[in-house]
Amino acid sequence: MTAMTELLADPNDFLHRQQERIKAPNTKIAASMIVKRYAKVYLDEVMDGLVFASEFPVVSLEACRFTEELNLIVDEAQVRTVDSRREAWRGVFSEHLTPVVDSLHKATRLPLIILWENIAVRMNSYLRKAVQKNPDQAWMVQEVAAELREREGDVFGLERNPLAEYLAPCEALTTQVMRKTCCYYHKLQKEKELPYCLVCPVQ
C-alpha cells in the first residue's frame, strides 16, 4: 500500500510493478490503466456526496493510499466537508486528479488527452449509474453533470476544462459515449477478459 503523495512524487517503481502485474507491454499503458482504475475508485468515494448531500466531501491526496491491487484506502479522519460545491470540485480536480494526471504524464509521456478521457469515461459511468439507481432524483444528477460541463479551467488548475468534450450530454446521461481516444486496454495480455473496453473507438 502506497500513500498517494509518495506515489505521485516518484511513480516509477509503482508503474513498473503494475506493468508486470497487469501484463502491460510498457509503463505508458500501465499508467493509462492505473488512471482508469483510480478515477473509478476515487469518484465512487466522493461523487454521491457531491450529488446528493448538502455538505460536500473533500478527500485529499493526503487522506488516500493506493494498494498494489489498485484499491483505494481513505483515512476518514482526514476527510472534510465544505458548503460550496465549487470548492468541492476544486478538491476533486485541481487538488487531486490533476496532480495524478500530471505525475503519470510526466513519468510516461502518455498524452494528457488520453488520461483526461479516462477520467471522463469513469465520470460518465458514475453519472449513468446514478440516474439508473435514483430515478426520482435524476434531476439532481443532471444538475451536477451540467455544472461539471460548464466549469472553467480554474477548477482543474488548468486553462480550460479538460473533461467537457468527453462528457455525456446532460439530457442523455444513460447513453454510452464512445471514446475519442484509445486507452490501450486491448494491448494488455488477457486470457478471459473482453478484448476491448466497452467504449473502444478502434474495435
Foldseek 3Di string as FASTA:
>chain_A
DAQLVVCLVPVVVLLVLQCVVQQFPDSLLSLLVLLLLLLQQVCVVFVCQLQPNQWGKQQASRQWDADSVGHIDGDVVPIDTHRDSLVNLLSVAQRHSLSSLVSSCVVRVRDSLSSLLSNQQSVLVVLLVVCVVCVVSNVSSLVVLVVLLPDACVSNVDRGNSNNVNHDHSVPSNDRAADPDASCQLNGDDDPDDNGPPRYPPD
